[in-house]
Amino acid sequence: MIDGLPAYAPELARAGGGFEPEYFDDLAALEANNFWFQSRNKLLQWIVKRFRPNFESFLEVGCGSGFVLSGIARVNPHARIAGSEIFIAGLSFARVRLPAVSLMQMDARNVPFIDDFDVVGAFDVLEHIEEDELVLSQLHAALKEGGLLMITVPQHPWLWSTLDEYSRHFRRYTEKELRRKVEAAGFKIVKSTSFVTILLPAMVLSRLLRRNKAVEEIDVRAELQLPPLMNTIFGFLLSCEVALIKLGITLPIGGSRLVVARKVSSAGSRDAQSSSG
């Protein structure tokens, strides 16, 4: 136990790598009013209602300050909801936001659950972990047979910038790479789409303007705390994208990719784990 929470990887609780614990202060303060976090939450809530409306258990791996998990908990307040994070710093915020949710410190590369959850989610987590295929095999094992996997990742390697370095990303994904890794872990993909498509030109411009900026010069508050009018406009545009996705339209390009998949075998997970090890 660390700070009253179960710790499955206590040696990594304060310096787990892949992220900087002090970032949680800014995230917890700003994400609830940021257009991107709000829009992603709306999309994820619709996805779980669309593909597993009566889920009884949900685990979010890498729950951070608990913003996504708070939205999922509202979808089904009677479900068993759990969230894990490698950093105790993030869980201190999540505990305030989600007093009724089961929270734990955990390394996504070693998930201590087998056939336990109806839905497992990892939202903008895989890119922070070098052994992403091992993580996918662990998520596969934690799901019940036929269970639902929901993941989001940053997309398009050509969008790589100092902001990715600041965020401690190992990669930005291509659709082909992510599909291959998810399927190798024993999943069948039921939904795969880009999002942040309409705003892709703005993302490209932002990265061009910052191409000569050192990682040390990145100001995360400036990145997240946009002028109110711009935040509202961007939020409206992403709401349009969510509406298109709800209509069944697959967006071909975009700053992020959403994949929804079902657990279909145990063999794929073992193969993925052995190839990663």
Protein backbone atom coordinates (compact mmCIF):
# COMPACT_ATOMS: atom_id res chain seq x y z
CA MET A 1 0.00 0.00 0.00
CA ILE A 2 1.21 3.51 -0.87
CA ASP A 3 -0.76 6.52 0.37
CA GLY A 4 -3.63 4.17 1.15
CA LEU A 5 -3.79 2.68 -2.36
CA PRO A 6 -2.87 -0.84 -3.52
CA ALA A 7 0.52 -0.76 -5.27
CA TYR A 8 1.42 -3.62 -7.61
CA ALA A 9 4.64 -2.00 -8.84
CA PRO A 10 5.73 0.13 -5.87
CA GLU A 11 9.27 0.56 -7.17
CA LEU A 12 7.83 2.56 -10.10
CA ALA A 13 5.22 4.56 -8.19
CA ARG A 14 7.16 7.80 -8.15
CA ALA A 15 9.48 7.38 -11.15
CA GLY A 16 7.90 4.92 -13.56
CA GLY A 17 9.15 6.44 -16.80
CA GLY A 18 7.24 7.35 -19.95
CA PHE A 19 5.78 10.47 -18.34
CA GLU A 20 6.67 13.16 -15.85
CA PRO A 21 4.65 12.98 -12.60
CA GLU A 22 4.60 16.77 -12.21
CA TYR A 23 2.54 17.04 -15.43
CA PHE A 24 -0.51 15.81 -13.50
CA ASP A 25 -0.84 19.16 -11.72
CA ASP A 26 -1.42 20.91 -15.05
CA LEU A 27 -3.60 18.15 -16.49
CA ALA A 28 -5.89 18.00 -13.49
CA ALA A 29 -6.33 21.77 -13.55
CA LEU A 30 -6.94 22.20 -17.28
CA GLU A 31 -8.29 19.04 -18.94
CA ALA A 32 -11.92 19.45 -17.82
CA ASN A 33 -12.22 22.71 -19.79
CA ASN A 34 -10.05 21.77 -22.77
CA PHE A 35 -11.83 21.07 -26.07
CA TRP A 36 -9.75 17.98 -26.89
CA PHE A 37 -10.24 16.18 -23.58
CA GLN A 38 -13.95 17.04 -23.58
CA SER A 39 -14.44 15.76 -27.14
CA ARG A 40 -12.48 12.58 -26.56
CA ASN A 41 -14.63 11.86 -23.49
CA LYS A 42 -17.84 12.28 -25.52
CA LEU A 43 -16.52 9.90 -28.17
CA LEU A 44 -15.44 7.25 -25.65
CA GLN A 45 -18.73 7.40 -23.77
CA TRP A 46 -20.60 6.84 -27.03
CA ILE A 47 -18.30 3.97 -28.00
CA VAL A 48 -18.87 2.03 -24.79
CA LYS A 49 -22.64 2.59 -25.00
CA ARG A 50 -22.61 1.48 -28.65
CA PHE A 51 -20.46 -1.65 -28.35
CA ARG A 52 -20.94 -2.79 -24.72
CA PRO A 53 -23.98 -0.96 -23.31
CA ASN A 54 -24.57 -3.30 -20.37
CA PHE A 55 -21.00 -3.72 -19.19
CA GLU A 56 -20.68 -4.79 -15.57
CA SER A 57 -16.96 -4.09 -15.12
CA PHE A 58 -14.52 -1.58 -16.63
CA LEU A 59 -10.77 -1.11 -16.14
CA GLU A 60 -8.89 1.92 -17.40
CA VAL A 61 -5.14 1.36 -17.58
CA GLY A 62 -3.22 4.62 -17.26
CA CYS A 63 -6.16 6.58 -15.84
CA GLY A 64 -4.06 9.63 -14.94
CA SER A 65 -6.10 12.12 -12.96
CA GLY A 66 -9.33 10.19 -13.62
CA PHE A 67 -11.00 12.53 -16.14
CA VAL A 68 -11.88 9.83 -18.69
CA LEU A 69 -12.91 7.38 -15.99
CA SER A 70 -15.31 9.92 -14.49
CA GLY A 71 -17.13 10.04 -17.84
CA ILE A 72 -17.22 6.26 -18.18
CA ALA A 73 -18.58 5.90 -14.63
CA ARG A 74 -21.51 8.14 -15.58
CA VAL A 75 -22.43 5.82 -18.46
CA ASN A 76 -23.11 2.93 -16.08
CA PRO A 77 -23.06 4.03 -12.42
CA HIS A 78 -23.88 0.48 -11.28
CA ALA A 79 -20.85 -1.15 -12.92
CA ARG A 80 -17.65 -2.10 -11.12
CA ILE A 81 -15.22 0.61 -12.20
CA ALA A 82 -11.45 0.39 -11.67
CA GLY A 83 -8.57 2.61 -12.68
CA SER A 84 -4.84 2.06 -12.61
CA GLU A 85 -1.91 4.41 -13.00
CA ILE A 86 1.81 3.79 -12.66
CA PHE A 87 2.29 7.12 -10.86
CA ILE A 88 0.86 7.73 -7.41
CA ALA A 89 0.87 11.45 -8.28
CA GLY A 90 -1.94 10.93 -10.82
CA LEU A 91 -3.96 8.75 -8.48
CA SER A 92 -4.03 11.45 -5.81
CA PHE A 93 -6.13 13.57 -8.20
CA ALA A 94 -8.22 10.60 -9.37
CA ARG A 95 -9.11 9.69 -5.80
CA VAL A 96 -10.64 13.13 -5.22
CA ARG A 97 -12.50 13.01 -8.54
CA LEU A 98 -13.68 9.40 -8.14
CA PRO A 99 -14.18 8.50 -4.47
CA ALA A 100 -16.31 5.44 -5.30
CA VAL A 101 -13.95 3.95 -7.91
CA SER A 102 -11.38 1.25 -7.18
CA LEU A 103 -7.96 2.80 -7.85
CA MET A 104 -4.55 1.14 -7.85
CA GLN A 105 -0.92 1.76 -8.74
CA MET A 106 0.10 -0.67 -11.48
CA ASP A 107 2.54 -1.22 -14.32
CA ALA A 108 0.66 -1.80 -17.60
CA ARG A 109 3.33 -4.33 -18.58
CA ASN A 110 2.29 -6.57 -15.68
CA VAL A 111 -1.49 -6.45 -15.17
CA PRO A 112 -2.54 -8.62 -12.18
CA PHE A 113 -5.94 -9.64 -13.61
CA ILE A 114 -7.04 -12.63 -15.69
CA ASP A 115 -10.45 -12.85 -17.43
CA ASP A 116 -11.80 -10.21 -15.04
CA PHE A 117 -13.29 -7.25 -16.97
CA ASP A 118 -15.97 -6.69 -19.61
CA VAL A 119 -14.19 -3.61 -20.96
CA VAL A 120 -10.59 -2.45 -20.72
CA GLY A 121 -9.47 0.97 -21.94
CA ALA A 122 -6.08 2.62 -22.47
CA PHE A 123 -6.36 6.17 -23.74
CA ASP A 124 -3.20 7.79 -25.04
CA VAL A 125 -1.12 5.35 -23.01
CA LEU A 126 0.54 2.92 -25.43
CA GLU A 127 2.74 5.56 -27.02
CA HIS A 128 4.38 6.19 -23.62
CA ILE A 129 5.51 2.55 -23.26
CA GLU A 130 8.28 1.01 -25.31
CA GLU A 131 6.90 -2.53 -24.90
CA ASP A 132 3.49 -1.73 -26.38
CA GLU A 133 2.90 -5.27 -27.70
CA LEU A 134 3.46 -6.69 -24.23
CA VAL A 135 0.92 -4.21 -22.84
CA LEU A 136 -1.66 -5.28 -25.44
CA SER A 137 -1.17 -8.93 -24.44
CA GLN A 138 -1.69 -7.96 -20.79
CA LEU A 139 -4.91 -6.10 -21.64
CA HIS A 140 -6.06 -9.15 -23.59
CA ALA A 141 -5.49 -11.39 -20.57
CA ALA A 142 -7.40 -9.04 -18.24
CA LEU A 143 -10.52 -9.17 -20.42
CA LYS A 144 -13.22 -11.79 -20.26
CA GLU A 145 -13.77 -13.82 -23.43
CA GLY A 146 -15.55 -11.55 -25.89
CA GLY A 147 -14.60 -8.51 -23.82
CA LEU A 148 -14.10 -5.09 -25.38
CA LEU A 149 -10.80 -3.24 -25.79
CA MET A 150 -10.87 0.54 -26.34
CA ILE A 151 -7.66 2.42 -27.13
CA THR A 152 -6.65 5.82 -28.46
CA VAL A 153 -3.18 6.79 -29.65
CA PRO A 154 -1.50 9.71 -31.42
CA GLN A 155 -1.30 9.06 -35.16
CA HIS A 156 0.97 9.74 -38.14
CA PRO A 157 4.74 9.58 -37.57
CA TRP A 158 5.14 12.58 -39.88
CA LEU A 159 3.46 14.69 -37.17
CA TRP A 160 6.31 13.94 -34.75
CA SER A 161 7.52 17.09 -33.00
CA THR A 162 9.19 18.37 -29.85
CA LEU A 163 5.76 18.18 -28.21
CA ASP A 164 5.95 14.37 -28.56
CA GLU A 165 9.40 14.45 -26.99
CA TYR A 166 8.11 16.63 -24.16
CA SER A 167 5.24 14.18 -23.61
CA ARG A 168 7.73 11.28 -23.46
CA HIS A 169 6.25 9.44 -26.44
CA PHE A 170 8.07 6.50 -27.98
CA ARG A 171 6.10 6.69 -31.21
CA ARG A 172 3.18 8.02 -33.20
CA TYR A 173 1.28 5.17 -34.86
CA THR A 174 0.28 4.36 -38.40
CA GLU A 175 -3.08 2.65 -38.88
CA LYS A 176 -1.32 -0.41 -40.27
CA GLU A 177 1.10 -0.75 -37.35
CA LEU A 178 -1.61 -0.40 -34.73
CA ARG A 179 -3.91 -2.87 -36.49
CA ARG A 180 -1.12 -5.43 -36.76
CA LYS A 181 -0.23 -5.18 -33.09
CA VAL A 182 -3.83 -5.31 -31.85
CA GLU A 183 -4.67 -8.33 -33.99
CA ALA A 184 -1.43 -10.11 -33.01
CA ALA A 185 -2.48 -9.77 -29.37
CA GLY A 186 -5.62 -11.83 -30.04
CA PHE A 187 -8.23 -9.18 -30.84
CA LYS A 188 -10.69 -8.69 -33.67
CA ILE A 189 -11.07 -5.01 -34.56
CA VAL A 190 -14.69 -3.86 -34.77
CA LYS A 191 -14.08 -0.11 -35.15
CA SER A 192 -11.05 1.88 -36.25
CA THR A 193 -11.13 5.53 -37.18
CA SER A 194 -9.05 8.67 -37.06
CA PHE A 195 -10.25 11.72 -35.22
CA VAL A 196 -8.99 15.28 -34.83
CA THR A 197 -9.30 15.33 -38.63
CA ILE A 198 -10.78 18.78 -39.20
CA LEU A 199 -8.10 20.31 -37.00
CA LEU A 200 -5.22 18.46 -38.69
CA PRO A 201 -4.09 21.58 -40.65
CA ALA A 202 -3.94 23.50 -37.36
CA MET A 203 -1.86 20.69 -35.82
CA VAL A 204 0.56 20.77 -38.75
CA LEU A 205 0.88 24.57 -38.54
CA SER A 206 1.43 24.41 -34.78
CA ARG A 207 4.25 21.92 -35.23
CA LEU A 208 5.86 23.95 -37.99
CA LEU A 209 5.86 27.04 -35.80
CA ARG A 210 7.49 25.07 -32.99
CA ARG A 211 9.97 23.09 -35.10
CA ASN A 212 12.97 25.00 -33.73
CA LYS A 213 11.77 25.08 -30.12
CA ALA A 214 13.68 22.96 -27.60
CA VAL A 215 11.83 20.52 -25.37
CA GLU A 216 12.72 22.67 -22.35
CA GLU A 217 10.82 25.61 -23.88
CA ILE A 218 7.49 23.76 -24.15
CA ASP A 219 4.79 25.30 -21.93
CA VAL A 220 2.09 22.70 -21.33
CA ARG A 221 -0.28 25.29 -19.87
CA ALA A 222 -0.08 27.35 -23.06
CA GLU A 223 -0.76 24.19 -25.09
CA LEU A 224 -3.85 23.28 -23.06
CA GLN A 225 -5.24 26.65 -22.00
CA LEU A 226 -6.43 28.17 -25.26
CA PRO A 227 -8.30 31.47 -25.53
CA PRO A 228 -11.97 30.77 -24.70
CA LEU A 229 -13.28 31.59 -28.20
CA MET A 230 -10.73 29.35 -29.91
CA ASN A 231 -11.43 26.57 -27.39
CA THR A 232 -15.16 26.83 -28.13
CA ILE A 233 -14.67 26.78 -31.91
CA PHE A 234 -12.31 23.80 -31.76
CA GLY A 235 -14.74 22.00 -29.46
CA PHE A 236 -17.58 22.58 -31.93
CA LEU A 237 -15.49 21.23 -34.82
CA LEU A 238 -14.59 18.08 -32.90
CA SER A 239 -18.24 17.64 -31.93
CA CYS A 240 -18.96 17.53 -35.67
CA GLU A 241 -16.36 14.78 -36.04
CA VAL A 242 -17.95 12.78 -33.22
CA ALA A 243 -21.30 13.15 -35.00
CA LEU A 244 -19.79 11.81 -38.23
CA ILE A 245 -18.26 8.84 -36.42
CA LYS A 246 -21.63 8.09 -34.82
CA LEU A 247 -23.12 7.98 -38.33
CA GLY A 248 -20.63 5.22 -39.22
CA ILE A 249 -18.18 7.35 -41.16
CA THR A 250 -14.53 6.32 -40.88
CA LEU A 251 -12.18 9.29 -40.97
CA PRO A 252 -9.00 8.38 -42.90
CA ILE A 253 -6.52 10.82 -41.34
CA GLY A 254 -6.28 12.76 -38.11
CA GLY A 255 -4.07 13.54 -35.16
CA SER A 256 -5.42 10.60 -33.16
CA ARG A 257 -6.74 7.10 -33.84
CA LEU A 258 -9.43 5.19 -31.99
CA VAL A 259 -9.51 1.39 -32.12
CA VAL A 260 -12.25 -0.78 -30.62
CA ALA A 261 -11.68 -4.55 -30.61
CA ARG A 262 -13.02 -7.75 -29.08
CA LYS A 263 -11.06 -10.50 -27.39
CA VAL A 264 -11.36 -13.56 -29.62
CA SER A 265 -8.53 -15.89 -28.60
CA SER A 266 -5.98 -16.68 -25.94
CA ALA A 267 -3.30 -17.87 -28.35
CA GLY A 268 -2.74 -14.46 -29.90
CA SER A 269 -1.96 -12.93 -26.53
CA ARG A 270 0.60 -15.60 -25.68
CA ASP A 271 2.26 -15.20 -29.11
CA ALA A 272 2.45 -11.42 -28.68
CA GLN A 273 3.89 -11.72 -25.21
CA SER A 274 6.56 -14.19 -26.31
CA SER A 275 7.54 -12.06 -29.29
CA SER A 276 7.83 -9.01 -27.00
CA GLY A 277 9.84 -10.89 -24.41
